[in-house]
């Protein structure tokens, strides 16, 4: 499909695409699918790296939109509440409540980064992708406040065969590209460069029980046909925060929320 990106068409393309993802991830009509359950994470208030302005706006918008759409099992973690332990435990609890036909949503907005791969040859570019959390610091124990792509893979495998939609509005967040309206004011970027860790707290930190059994030494999740992953940009590229409707935002999260509200349903069926 060839889609022309004009000044404003990028936002509407993403609204339409997010609607398609919502339909596809349920693998059928909403009448056939089970309950939707969501974990929504947004981090602005970083303690040791540059703060952001729009990630919590993104998370709140997504949470409010999903709630308005009828999602009742929804956990939100903002800023300091979005610790590594809290995210992993919340996801584990969400899965324990879910039935086999439920649809799970995992949404993250915040800083993204890359670090050298833990297992030589496991990544094509030699780098693991990372989500940074509010308490992240270069030195231990603060460097344990991050989620590696292997952690995300374990979380997704723990979902079993349940349908999962992952939305990642950060730099180095995946394989999807997007167009940005140049008339929208750009703010900072959701990118942090990481030097090598002298003492990595994660090397000796175990995963929670439910996730530990699904851990593999690779961030590759191509073996999960039940998962639809939507990243804000391809790995190795940065994304800006934008001023949209007077608020700092991420364009992917904004388009997703607007799509859920109905803009993706262009034929109103």
C-alpha atoms as a PDB file:
ATOM      1  CA  UNK A   1       0.000   0.000   0.000  1.00  0.00           C
ATOM      2  CA  UNK A   2       1.471   3.326  -1.029  1.00  0.00           C
ATOM      3  CA  UNK A   3       0.296   6.197   1.155  1.00  0.00           C
ATOM      4  CA  UNK A   4       1.209   9.798   0.263  1.00  0.00           C
ATOM      5  CA  UNK A   5       2.412  11.820   3.237  1.00  0.00           C
ATOM      6  CA  UNK A   6       1.485  15.482   2.872  1.00  0.00           C
ATOM      7  CA  UNK A   7       1.612  18.140   5.545  1.00  0.00           C
ATOM      8  CA  UNK A   8      -1.158  16.632   7.642  1.00  0.00           C
ATOM      9  CA  UNK A   9      -1.780  13.235   6.114  1.00  0.00           C
ATOM     10  CA  UNK A  10       0.676  11.465   8.448  1.00  0.00           C
ATOM     11  CA  UNK A  11      -1.542  11.933  11.480  1.00  0.00           C
ATOM     12  CA  UNK A  12      -4.669  10.707   9.707  1.00  0.00           C
ATOM     13  CA  UNK A  13      -2.771   7.742   8.237  1.00  0.00           C
ATOM     14  CA  UNK A  14      -1.779   6.703  11.744  1.00  0.00           C
ATOM     15  CA  UNK A  15      -5.331   7.103  13.003  1.00  0.00           C
ATOM     16  CA  UNK A  16      -6.523   4.787  10.221  1.00  0.00           C
ATOM     17  CA  UNK A  17      -3.687   2.311  10.760  1.00  0.00           C
ATOM     18  CA  UNK A  18      -4.296   2.118  14.521  1.00  0.00           C
ATOM     19  CA  UNK A  19      -7.921   1.272  13.789  1.00  0.00           C
ATOM     20  CA  UNK A  20      -6.755  -1.608  11.597  1.00  0.00           C
ATOM     21  CA  UNK A  21      -4.410  -2.816  14.341  1.00  0.00           C
ATOM     22  CA  UNK A  22      -7.239  -2.749  16.880  1.00  0.00           C
ATOM     23  CA  UNK A  23      -9.374  -4.868  14.578  1.00  0.00           C
ATOM     24  CA  UNK A  24      -6.578  -7.269  13.697  1.00  0.00           C
ATOM     25  CA  UNK A  25      -5.384  -7.867  17.243  1.00  0.00           C
ATOM     26  CA  UNK A  26      -8.792  -9.141  18.314  1.00  0.00           C
ATOM     27  CA  UNK A  27      -8.697 -11.765  15.509  1.00  0.00           C
ATOM     28  CA  UNK A  28     -12.401 -11.343  14.935  1.00  0.00           C
ATOM     29  CA  UNK A  29     -15.313  -9.154  15.887  1.00  0.00           C
ATOM     30  CA  UNK A  30     -15.577  -7.646  19.361  1.00  0.00           C
ATOM     31  CA  UNK A  31     -18.519  -9.957  19.991  1.00  0.00           C
ATOM     32  CA  UNK A  32     -16.191 -12.945  19.578  1.00  0.00           C
ATOM     33  CA  UNK A  33     -13.333 -11.502  21.608  1.00  0.00           C
ATOM     34  CA  UNK A  34     -13.144 -11.506  25.388  1.00  0.00           C
ATOM     35  CA  UNK A  35     -12.502  -8.612  27.709  1.00  0.00           C
ATOM     36  CA  UNK A  36      -9.861  -5.979  26.972  1.00  0.00           C
ATOM     37  CA  UNK A  37      -7.261  -5.448  29.711  1.00  0.00           C
ATOM     38  CA  UNK A  38      -4.530  -2.812  29.626  1.00  0.00           C
ATOM     39  CA  UNK A  39      -1.315  -1.719  31.320  1.00  0.00           C
ATOM     40  CA  UNK A  40      -0.480   1.891  30.420  1.00  0.00           C
ATOM     41  CA  UNK A  41       2.912   3.395  31.332  1.00  0.00           C
ATOM     42  CA  UNK A  42       4.144   6.975  30.920  1.00  0.00           C
ATOM     43  CA  UNK A  43       7.334   8.576  32.270  1.00  0.00           C
ATOM     44  CA  UNK A  44       8.231  12.276  32.186  1.00  0.00           C
ATOM     45  CA  UNK A  45       9.908  12.849  35.561  1.00  0.00           C
ATOM     46  CA  UNK A  46      13.280  11.169  35.087  1.00  0.00           C
ATOM     47  CA  UNK A  47      15.494  11.660  38.125  1.00  0.00           C
ATOM     48  CA  UNK A  48      18.949  11.342  36.537  1.00  0.00           C
ATOM     49  CA  UNK A  49      18.472  11.885  32.776  1.00  0.00           C
ATOM     50  CA  UNK A  50      16.712  14.621  30.827  1.00  0.00           C
ATOM     51  CA  UNK A  51      12.985  14.805  31.673  1.00  0.00           C
ATOM     52  CA  UNK A  52      10.233  14.672  29.090  1.00  0.00           C
ATOM     53  CA  UNK A  53       7.088  16.767  28.782  1.00  0.00           C
ATOM     54  CA  UNK A  54       4.530  14.686  26.901  1.00  0.00           C
ATOM     55  CA  UNK A  55       4.849  11.019  27.857  1.00  0.00           C
ATOM     56  CA  UNK A  56       2.443  11.198  30.800  1.00  0.00           C
ATOM     57  CA  UNK A  57       0.033  13.194  28.619  1.00  0.00           C
ATOM     58  CA  UNK A  58       0.221  10.308  26.145  1.00  0.00           C
ATOM     59  CA  UNK A  59      -0.415   7.673  28.802  1.00  0.00           C
ATOM     60  CA  UNK A  60      -3.333   9.537  30.369  1.00  0.00           C
ATOM     61  CA  UNK A  61      -4.919  10.142  26.975  1.00  0.00           C
ATOM     62  CA  UNK A  62      -4.646   6.455  26.058  1.00  0.00           C
ATOM     63  CA  UNK A  63      -5.999   5.389  29.455  1.00  0.00           C
ATOM     64  CA  UNK A  64      -8.954   7.792  29.279  1.00  0.00           C
ATOM     65  CA  UNK A  65      -9.728   6.775  25.706  1.00  0.00           C
ATOM     66  CA  UNK A  66      -9.638   3.050  26.496  1.00  0.00           C
ATOM     67  CA  UNK A  67     -11.842   3.647  29.544  1.00  0.00           C
ATOM     68  CA  UNK A  68     -14.345   5.556  27.427  1.00  0.00           C
ATOM     69  CA  UNK A  69     -14.297   2.658  24.960  1.00  0.00           C
ATOM     70  CA  UNK A  70     -15.375   0.275  27.726  1.00  0.00           C
ATOM     71  CA  UNK A  71     -12.087  -1.116  29.115  1.00  0.00           C
ATOM     72  CA  UNK A  72     -12.575  -1.619  32.867  1.00  0.00           C
ATOM     73  CA  UNK A  73      -9.464  -3.620  33.783  1.00  0.00           C
ATOM     74  CA  UNK A  74      -6.861  -0.901  33.307  1.00  0.00           C
ATOM     75  CA  UNK A  75      -3.685  -0.259  35.312  1.00  0.00           C
ATOM     76  CA  UNK A  76      -1.821   3.044  34.941  1.00  0.00           C
ATOM     77  CA  UNK A  77       1.743   3.685  36.084  1.00  0.00           C
ATOM     78  CA  UNK A  78       3.074   7.238  35.770  1.00  0.00           C
ATOM     79  CA  UNK A  79       6.519   8.641  36.586  1.00  0.00           C
ATOM     80  CA  UNK A  80       7.961   7.239  39.859  1.00  0.00           C
ATOM     81  CA  UNK A  81       5.165   4.664  40.101  1.00  0.00           C
ATOM     82  CA  UNK A  82       6.442   3.123  36.847  1.00  0.00           C
ATOM     83  CA  UNK A  83       9.309   1.186  38.398  1.00  0.00           C
ATOM     84  CA  UNK A  84      10.637  -2.018  36.868  1.00  0.00           C
ATOM     85  CA  UNK A  85       9.147  -4.103  39.671  1.00  0.00           C
ATOM     86  CA  UNK A  86       5.765  -2.372  39.399  1.00  0.00           C
ATOM     87  CA  UNK A  87       5.548  -2.895  35.625  1.00  0.00           C
ATOM     88  CA  UNK A  88       6.552  -6.548  35.725  1.00  0.00           C
ATOM     89  CA  UNK A  89       4.275  -7.301  38.683  1.00  0.00           C
ATOM     90  CA  UNK A  90       1.335  -5.429  37.126  1.00  0.00           C
ATOM     91  CA  UNK A  91       1.702  -7.351  33.886  1.00  0.00           C
ATOM     92  CA  UNK A  92       1.949 -10.635  35.756  1.00  0.00           C
ATOM     93  CA  UNK A  93      -1.218  -9.770  37.726  1.00  0.00           C
ATOM     94  CA  UNK A  94      -3.038  -8.731  34.543  1.00  0.00           C
ATOM     95  CA  UNK A  95      -2.266 -12.071  32.891  1.00  0.00           C
ATOM     96  CA  UNK A  96      -3.414 -13.966  35.988  1.00  0.00           C
ATOM     97  CA  UNK A  97      -6.830 -12.262  35.684  1.00  0.00           C
ATOM     98  CA  UNK A  98      -7.162 -12.775  31.939  1.00  0.00           C
ATOM     99  CA  UNK A  99      -9.162 -15.466  30.189  1.00  0.00           C
ATOM    100  CA  UNK A 100      -7.862 -17.208  27.080  1.00  0.00           C
ATOM    101  CA  UNK A 101      -9.898 -15.041  24.694  1.00  0.00           C
ATOM    102  CA  UNK A 102      -9.078 -11.686  26.316  1.00  0.00           C
ATOM    103  CA  UNK A 103      -7.145  -8.959  24.496  1.00  0.00           C
ATOM    104  CA  UNK A 104      -4.193  -7.420  26.346  1.00  0.00           C
ATOM    105  CA  UNK A 105      -2.785  -3.941  25.706  1.00  0.00           C
ATOM    106  CA  UNK A 106       0.694  -2.827  26.815  1.00  0.00           C
ATOM    107  CA  UNK A 107       1.439   0.858  26.214  1.00  0.00           C
ATOM    108  CA  UNK A 108       4.715   2.661  26.983  1.00  0.00           C
ATOM    109  CA  UNK A 109       5.634   6.312  26.464  1.00  0.00           C
ATOM    110  CA  UNK A 110       9.030   7.548  27.604  1.00  0.00           C
ATOM    111  CA  UNK A 111      12.737   7.476  26.832  1.00  0.00           C
ATOM    112  CA  UNK A 112      14.165   4.723  24.638  1.00  0.00           C
ATOM    113  CA  UNK A 113      17.803   3.723  24.316  1.00  0.00           C
ATOM    114  CA  UNK A 114      20.145   1.024  23.034  1.00  0.00           C
ATOM    115  CA  UNK A 115      22.875  -0.974  24.727  1.00  0.00           C
ATOM    116  CA  UNK A 116      25.307  -3.627  23.493  1.00  0.00           C
ATOM    117  CA  UNK A 117      23.614  -7.011  23.118  1.00  0.00           C
ATOM    118  CA  UNK A 118      24.014  -9.407  26.016  1.00  0.00           C
ATOM    119  CA  UNK A 119      24.359 -12.420  23.738  1.00  0.00           C
ATOM    120  CA  UNK A 120      26.776 -12.021  20.836  1.00  0.00           C
ATOM    121  CA  UNK A 121      25.002 -12.412  17.510  1.00  0.00           C
ATOM    122  CA  UNK A 122      21.470 -12.284  18.927  1.00  0.00           C
ATOM    123  CA  UNK A 123      20.670  -8.905  17.319  1.00  0.00           C
ATOM    124  CA  UNK A 124      21.287  -7.923  13.696  1.00  0.00           C
ATOM    125  CA  UNK A 125      22.733  -4.543  14.713  1.00  0.00           C
ATOM    126  CA  UNK A 126      24.495  -5.869  17.812  1.00  0.00           C
ATOM    127  CA  UNK A 127      22.319  -3.716  20.076  1.00  0.00           C
ATOM    128  CA  UNK A 128      19.509  -4.455  22.518  1.00  0.00           C
ATOM    129  CA  UNK A 129      16.657  -1.952  22.737  1.00  0.00           C
ATOM    130  CA  UNK A 130      15.752  -0.520  26.150  1.00  0.00           C
ATOM    131  CA  UNK A 131      12.906   1.395  27.804  1.00  0.00           C
ATOM    132  CA  UNK A 132      14.189   3.685  30.569  1.00  0.00           C
ATOM    133  CA  UNK A 133      12.149   4.182  33.744  1.00  0.00           C
ATOM    134  CA  UNK A 134      11.943   7.146  36.117  1.00  0.00           C
ATOM    135  CA  UNK A 135      14.658   6.052  38.538  1.00  0.00           C
ATOM    136  CA  UNK A 136      17.163   5.064  35.857  1.00  0.00           C
ATOM    137  CA  UNK A 137      20.791   6.065  36.437  1.00  0.00           C
ATOM    138  CA  UNK A 138      24.035   5.035  34.766  1.00  0.00           C
ATOM    139  CA  UNK A 139      25.430   3.711  38.055  1.00  0.00           C
ATOM    140  CA  UNK A 140      24.068   0.756  40.006  1.00  0.00           C
ATOM    141  CA  UNK A 141      21.577   0.203  41.488  1.00  0.00           C
ATOM    142  CA  UNK A 142      19.756   2.821  39.385  1.00  0.00           C
ATOM    143  CA  UNK A 143      20.738   1.201  36.085  1.00  0.00           C
ATOM    144  CA  UNK A 144      18.408  -1.640  37.022  1.00  0.00           C
ATOM    145  CA  UNK A 145      15.464   0.691  36.389  1.00  0.00           C
ATOM    146  CA  UNK A 146      15.067  -0.218  32.731  1.00  0.00           C
ATOM    147  CA  UNK A 147      13.248  -2.780  30.601  1.00  0.00           C
ATOM    148  CA  UNK A 148      15.318  -4.562  27.967  1.00  0.00           C
ATOM    149  CA  UNK A 149      13.812  -6.010  24.797  1.00  0.00           C
ATOM    150  CA  UNK A 150      14.376  -9.461  26.302  1.00  0.00           C
ATOM    151  CA  UNK A 151      12.187  -8.449  29.247  1.00  0.00           C
ATOM    152  CA  UNK A 152       9.430  -7.307  26.901  1.00  0.00           C
ATOM    153  CA  UNK A 153       9.733 -10.586  24.972  1.00  0.00           C
ATOM    154  CA  UNK A 154       9.321 -12.549  28.223  1.00  0.00           C
ATOM    155  CA  UNK A 155       6.257 -10.467  29.117  1.00  0.00           C
ATOM    156  CA  UNK A 156       4.690 -11.188  25.737  1.00  0.00           C
ATOM    157  CA  UNK A 157       5.454 -14.919  25.872  1.00  0.00           C
ATOM    158  CA  UNK A 158       3.884 -15.074  29.329  1.00  0.00           C
ATOM    159  CA  UNK A 159       0.601 -13.972  27.737  1.00  0.00           C
ATOM    160  CA  UNK A 160       0.360 -17.418  26.170  1.00  0.00           C
ATOM    161  CA  UNK A 161      -1.914 -17.432  23.142  1.00  0.00           C
ATOM    162  CA  UNK A 162      -3.855 -14.335  24.195  1.00  0.00           C
ATOM    163  CA  UNK A 163      -4.021 -11.499  21.682  1.00  0.00           C
ATOM    164  CA  UNK A 164      -1.674  -8.654  22.634  1.00  0.00           C
ATOM    165  CA  UNK A 165      -1.289  -5.141  21.263  1.00  0.00           C
ATOM    166  CA  UNK A 166       1.940  -3.332  22.210  1.00  0.00           C
ATOM    167  CA  UNK A 167       2.242   0.426  21.650  1.00  0.00           C
ATOM    168  CA  UNK A 168       5.724   1.918  22.174  1.00  0.00           C
ATOM    169  CA  UNK A 169       6.062   5.691  21.797  1.00  0.00           C
ATOM    170  CA  UNK A 170       9.812   6.101  22.267  1.00  0.00           C
ATOM    171  CA  UNK A 171      13.024   6.200  20.300  1.00  0.00           C
ATOM    172  CA  UNK A 172      14.480   2.856  19.140  1.00  0.00           C
ATOM    173  CA  UNK A 173      10.981   1.424  19.495  1.00  0.00           C
ATOM    174  CA  UNK A 174      10.567  -0.909  16.566  1.00  0.00           C
ATOM    175  CA  UNK A 175       9.835  -1.455  12.933  1.00  0.00           C
ATOM    176  CA  UNK A 176       7.090   1.033  12.113  1.00  0.00           C
ATOM    177  CA  UNK A 177       7.786   4.459  10.619  1.00  0.00           C
ATOM    178  CA  UNK A 178       5.632   7.544  10.670  1.00  0.00           C
ATOM    179  CA  UNK A 179       5.333  10.984   9.141  1.00  0.00           C
ATOM    180  CA  UNK A 180       5.296  14.101  11.275  1.00  0.00           C
ATOM    181  CA  UNK A 181       3.401  17.240  10.284  1.00  0.00           C
ATOM    182  CA  UNK A 182       6.119  19.932   9.979  1.00  0.00           C
ATOM    183  CA  UNK A 183       3.652  22.594  11.084  1.00  0.00           C
ATOM    184  CA  UNK A 184       3.569  21.056  14.559  1.00  0.00           C
ATOM    185  CA  UNK A 185       6.079  22.496  17.021  1.00  0.00           C
ATOM    186  CA  UNK A 186       8.869  20.069  17.892  1.00  0.00           C
ATOM    187  CA  UNK A 187      10.127  19.844  21.452  1.00  0.00           C
ATOM    188  CA  UNK A 188      12.840  17.487  22.748  1.00  0.00           C
ATOM    189  CA  UNK A 189      13.454  13.889  21.676  1.00  0.00           C
ATOM    190  CA  UNK A 190      12.715  10.653  23.514  1.00  0.00           C
ATOM    191  CA  UNK A 191      16.278   9.427  23.277  1.00  0.00           C
ATOM    192  CA  UNK A 192      19.030   8.820  25.811  1.00  0.00           C
ATOM    193  CA  UNK A 193      22.516   7.680  24.822  1.00  0.00           C
ATOM    194  CA  UNK A 194      23.960   5.049  27.153  1.00  0.00           C
ATOM    195  CA  UNK A 195      27.644   4.497  27.921  1.00  0.00           C
ATOM    196  CA  UNK A 196      28.777   0.997  28.926  1.00  0.00           C
ATOM    197  CA  UNK A 197      27.638   0.003  32.422  1.00  0.00           C
ATOM    198  CA  UNK A 198      30.480  -0.670  34.857  1.00  0.00           C
ATOM    199  CA  UNK A 199      28.173  -2.557  37.226  1.00  0.00           C
ATOM    200  CA  UNK A 200      24.870  -3.654  35.694  1.00  0.00           C
ATOM    201  CA  UNK A 201      22.246  -4.353  38.363  1.00  0.00           C
ATOM    202  CA  UNK A 202      20.112  -6.363  35.926  1.00  0.00           C
ATOM    203  CA  UNK A 203      22.764  -9.033  35.452  1.00  0.00           C
ATOM    204  CA  UNK A 204      21.862 -10.539  38.814  1.00  0.00           C
ATOM    205  CA  UNK A 205      18.203  -9.466  39.071  1.00  0.00           C
ATOM    206  CA  UNK A 206      15.688 -12.276  38.428  1.00  0.00           C
ATOM    207  CA  UNK A 207      12.364 -11.881  36.639  1.00  0.00           C
ATOM    208  CA  UNK A 208       9.101 -12.527  38.528  1.00  0.00           C
ATOM    209  CA  UNK A 209       8.108 -16.231  38.511  1.00  0.00           C
ATOM    210  CA  UNK A 210       5.529 -16.078  35.725  1.00  0.00           C
ATOM    211  CA  UNK A 211       7.895 -14.206  33.428  1.00  0.00           C
ATOM    212  CA  UNK A 212      11.064 -16.123  34.320  1.00  0.00           C
ATOM    213  CA  UNK A 213       9.817 -19.255  32.572  1.00  0.00           C
ATOM    214  CA  UNK A 214       9.406 -17.288  29.358  1.00  0.00           C
ATOM    215  CA  UNK A 215      12.805 -15.599  29.340  1.00  0.00           C
ATOM    216  CA  UNK A 216      15.107 -16.173  26.387  1.00  0.00           C
ATOM    217  CA  UNK A 217      18.433 -14.623  25.520  1.00  0.00           C
ATOM    218  CA  UNK A 218      17.027 -12.729  22.560  1.00  0.00           C
ATOM    219  CA  UNK A 219      14.679  -9.817  22.040  1.00  0.00           C
ATOM    220  CA  UNK A 220      13.194 -11.406  18.899  1.00  0.00           C
ATOM    221  CA  UNK A 221       9.420 -11.821  19.209  1.00  0.00           C
ATOM    222  CA  UNK A 222       8.740 -12.908  15.634  1.00  0.00           C
ATOM    223  CA  UNK A 223       7.618 -16.292  16.962  1.00  0.00           C
ATOM    224  CA  UNK A 224       4.564 -14.671  18.588  1.00  0.00           C
ATOM    225  CA  UNK A 225       1.776 -14.536  15.979  1.00  0.00           C
ATOM    226  CA  UNK A 226      -0.691 -13.388  18.651  1.00  0.00           C
ATOM    227  CA  UNK A 227       1.227 -10.112  19.181  1.00  0.00           C
ATOM    228  CA  UNK A 228       0.895  -6.903  17.193  1.00  0.00           C
ATOM    229  CA  UNK A 229       3.728  -4.495  17.985  1.00  0.00           C
ATOM    230  CA  UNK A 230       3.542  -0.826  16.966  1.00  0.00           C
ATOM    231  CA  UNK A 231       6.677   1.245  17.505  1.00  0.00           C
ATOM    232  CA  UNK A 232       6.971   4.979  16.930  1.00  0.00           C
ATOM    233  CA  UNK A 233      10.063   4.686  14.735  1.00  0.00           C
ATOM    234  CA  UNK A 234      12.574   2.194  13.402  1.00  0.00           C
ATOM    235  CA  UNK A 235      15.526   1.275  15.572  1.00  0.00           C
ATOM    236  CA  UNK A 236      18.365   3.762  15.309  1.00  0.00           C
ATOM    237  CA  UNK A 237      16.163   6.785  14.641  1.00  0.00           C
ATOM    238  CA  UNK A 238      14.991   9.443  17.082  1.00  0.00           C
ATOM    239  CA  UNK A 239      11.507  10.862  17.449  1.00  0.00           C
ATOM    240  CA  UNK A 240      10.573  14.332  18.660  1.00  0.00           C
ATOM    241  CA  UNK A 241       8.017  15.278  21.213  1.00  0.00           C
ATOM    242  CA  UNK A 242       5.475  17.557  19.547  1.00  0.00           C
ATOM    243  CA  UNK A 243       3.130  20.332  20.618  1.00  0.00           C
ATOM    244  CA  UNK A 244      -0.274  19.009  19.508  1.00  0.00           C
ATOM    245  CA  UNK A 245      -3.440  20.918  20.406  1.00  0.00           C
ATOM    246  CA  UNK A 246      -1.403  22.978  22.871  1.00  0.00           C
ATOM    247  CA  UNK A 247       0.073  20.011  24.770  1.00  0.00           C
ATOM    248  CA  UNK A 248       3.417  18.174  24.507  1.00  0.00           C
ATOM    249  CA  UNK A 249       2.658  14.784  22.962  1.00  0.00           C
ATOM    250  CA  UNK A 250       3.981  11.830  21.029  1.00  0.00           C
ATOM    251  CA  UNK A 251       2.383  11.588  17.585  1.00  0.00           C
ATOM    252  CA  UNK A 252       1.894   7.811  17.738  1.00  0.00           C
ATOM    253  CA  UNK A 253       0.051   7.897  21.071  1.00  0.00           C
ATOM    254  CA  UNK A 254      -2.036  10.852  19.895  1.00  0.00           C
ATOM    255  CA  UNK A 255      -3.041   9.034  16.702  1.00  0.00           C
ATOM    256  CA  UNK A 256      -3.799   5.807  18.570  1.00  0.00           C
ATOM    257  CA  UNK A 257      -6.118   7.588  21.021  1.00  0.00           C
ATOM    258  CA  UNK A 258      -7.892   9.478  18.242  1.00  0.00           C
ATOM    259  CA  UNK A 259      -8.260   6.247  16.277  1.00  0.00           C
ATOM    260  CA  UNK A 260      -9.895   4.503  19.253  1.00  0.00           C
ATOM    261  CA  UNK A 261     -12.250   7.469  19.657  1.00  0.00           C
ATOM    262  CA  UNK A 262     -13.580   6.819  16.165  1.00  0.00           C
ATOM    263  CA  UNK A 263     -11.442   8.646  13.625  1.00  0.00           C
ATOM    264  CA  UNK A 264     -10.115   5.303  12.403  1.00  0.00           C
ATOM    265  CA  UNK A 265     -13.670   4.154  11.678  1.00  0.00           C
ATOM    266  CA  UNK A 266     -14.059   6.182   8.507  1.00  0.00           C
ATOM    267  CA  UNK A 267     -17.026   4.154   7.191  1.00  0.00           C
ATOM    268  CA  UNK A 268     -18.724   4.308  10.620  1.00  0.00           C
ATOM    269  CA  UNK A 269     -19.488   0.599  10.731  1.00  0.00           C
END
